[in-house]
Amino acid sequence: MRFVTGLILGSVLTIGGTTLMAQPERAMHPRIARAIAALRDARDYMEHAPHDFGGHRVDAIRATDEAIRQLNFALGYRAREDRR
């Protein structure tokens, strides 16, 4: 059940690249919020770069997407726990 809840929460938190996380939670964990922003910036750069980084671009973008997803899950977990 928690896995399904996490999937649903993760879907809700990132819609169209926009995180719907409550601002107080992001403010409480500024390093995570900055990491998400930096990862999004790096992903955008890789996606539009004129080269493929020696064949690593696709895997790097995929790993970046997963890292962003996991960080959003972490913030979502803290948000749920902090409300308890």
Protein backbone atom coordinates (compact mmCIF):
# COMPACT_ATOMS: atom_id res chain seq x y z
CA MET A 1 0.00 0.00 0.00
CA ARG A 2 2.79 2.45 0.83
CA PHE A 3 4.40 1.77 -2.58
CA VAL A 4 1.15 2.67 -4.36
CA THR A 5 0.74 5.75 -2.19
CA GLY A 6 4.30 6.76 -3.05
CA LEU A 7 3.61 6.33 -6.76
CA ILE A 8 0.48 8.44 -6.55
CA LEU A 9 2.21 11.09 -4.46
CA GLY A 10 5.15 11.16 -6.85
CA SER A 11 2.78 11.64 -9.76
CA VAL A 12 1.01 14.47 -8.01
CA LEU A 13 4.21 16.19 -6.92
CA THR A 14 5.68 16.49 -10.41
CA ILE A 15 3.21 17.54 -13.07
CA GLY A 16 4.68 19.02 -16.20
CA GLY A 17 8.05 19.48 -14.52
CA THR A 18 6.51 21.64 -11.80
CA THR A 19 6.74 20.46 -8.23
CA LEU A 20 3.54 20.94 -6.29
CA MET A 21 5.30 20.49 -2.96
CA ALA A 22 4.23 22.90 -0.28
CA GLN A 23 6.72 25.74 -0.03
CA PRO A 24 7.32 25.24 3.72
CA GLU A 25 8.58 21.70 3.09
CA ARG A 26 11.00 22.90 0.41
CA ALA A 27 12.10 25.71 2.74
CA MET A 28 12.75 23.20 5.51
CA HIS A 29 15.03 21.22 3.19
CA PRO A 30 16.74 23.85 1.02
CA ARG A 31 19.61 21.60 -0.05
CA ILE A 32 17.16 19.12 -1.53
CA ALA A 33 15.23 21.91 -3.24
CA ARG A 34 18.49 23.29 -4.69
CA ALA A 35 19.56 19.82 -5.81
CA ILE A 36 16.28 19.36 -7.69
CA ALA A 37 16.75 22.74 -9.38
CA ALA A 38 20.36 21.93 -10.30
CA LEU A 39 19.39 18.52 -11.67
CA ARG A 40 16.63 20.07 -13.78
CA ASP A 41 19.10 22.62 -15.13
CA ALA A 42 21.66 19.90 -15.94
CA ARG A 43 18.98 17.78 -17.60
CA ASP A 44 17.88 20.69 -19.78
CA TYR A 45 21.49 21.37 -20.74
CA MET A 46 22.13 17.72 -21.65
CA GLU A 47 18.93 17.50 -23.64
CA HIS A 48 19.82 20.52 -25.78
CA ALA A 49 23.59 20.04 -26.01
CA PRO A 50 25.05 19.74 -29.51
CA HIS A 51 26.82 16.47 -28.60
CA ASP A 52 25.96 13.23 -26.83
CA PHE A 53 28.65 13.27 -24.12
CA GLY A 54 30.43 10.24 -25.57
CA GLY A 55 27.23 8.24 -25.77
CA HIS A 56 26.27 8.87 -22.14
CA ARG A 57 23.59 11.51 -22.64
CA VAL A 58 20.57 9.18 -22.75
CA ASP A 59 21.60 7.27 -19.63
CA ALA A 60 22.55 10.49 -17.83
CA ILE A 61 19.15 12.04 -18.59
CA ARG A 62 17.40 8.88 -17.43
CA ALA A 63 19.43 8.83 -14.18
CA THR A 64 18.76 12.54 -13.65
CA ASP A 65 15.02 12.01 -14.06
CA GLU A 66 15.16 9.19 -11.51
CA ALA A 67 17.17 11.31 -9.06
CA ILE A 68 14.62 14.13 -9.32
CA ARG A 69 11.81 11.64 -8.80
CA GLN A 70 13.46 10.15 -5.70
CA LEU A 71 14.18 13.57 -4.19
CA ASN A 72 10.53 14.51 -4.67
CA PHE A 73 9.54 11.25 -2.97
CA ALA A 74 11.86 12.17 -0.08
CA LEU A 75 10.24 15.60 0.28
CA GLY A 76 6.81 14.00 0.07
CA TYR A 77 7.72 11.56 2.81
CA ARG A 78 8.91 14.38 5.07
CA ALA A 79 5.74 16.36 4.35
CA ARG A 80 3.58 13.39 5.36
CA GLU A 81 5.64 12.67 8.49
CA ASP A 82 5.73 16.33 9.54
CA ARG A 83 1.91 16.48 9.41
CA ARG A 84 1.60 13.58 11.87
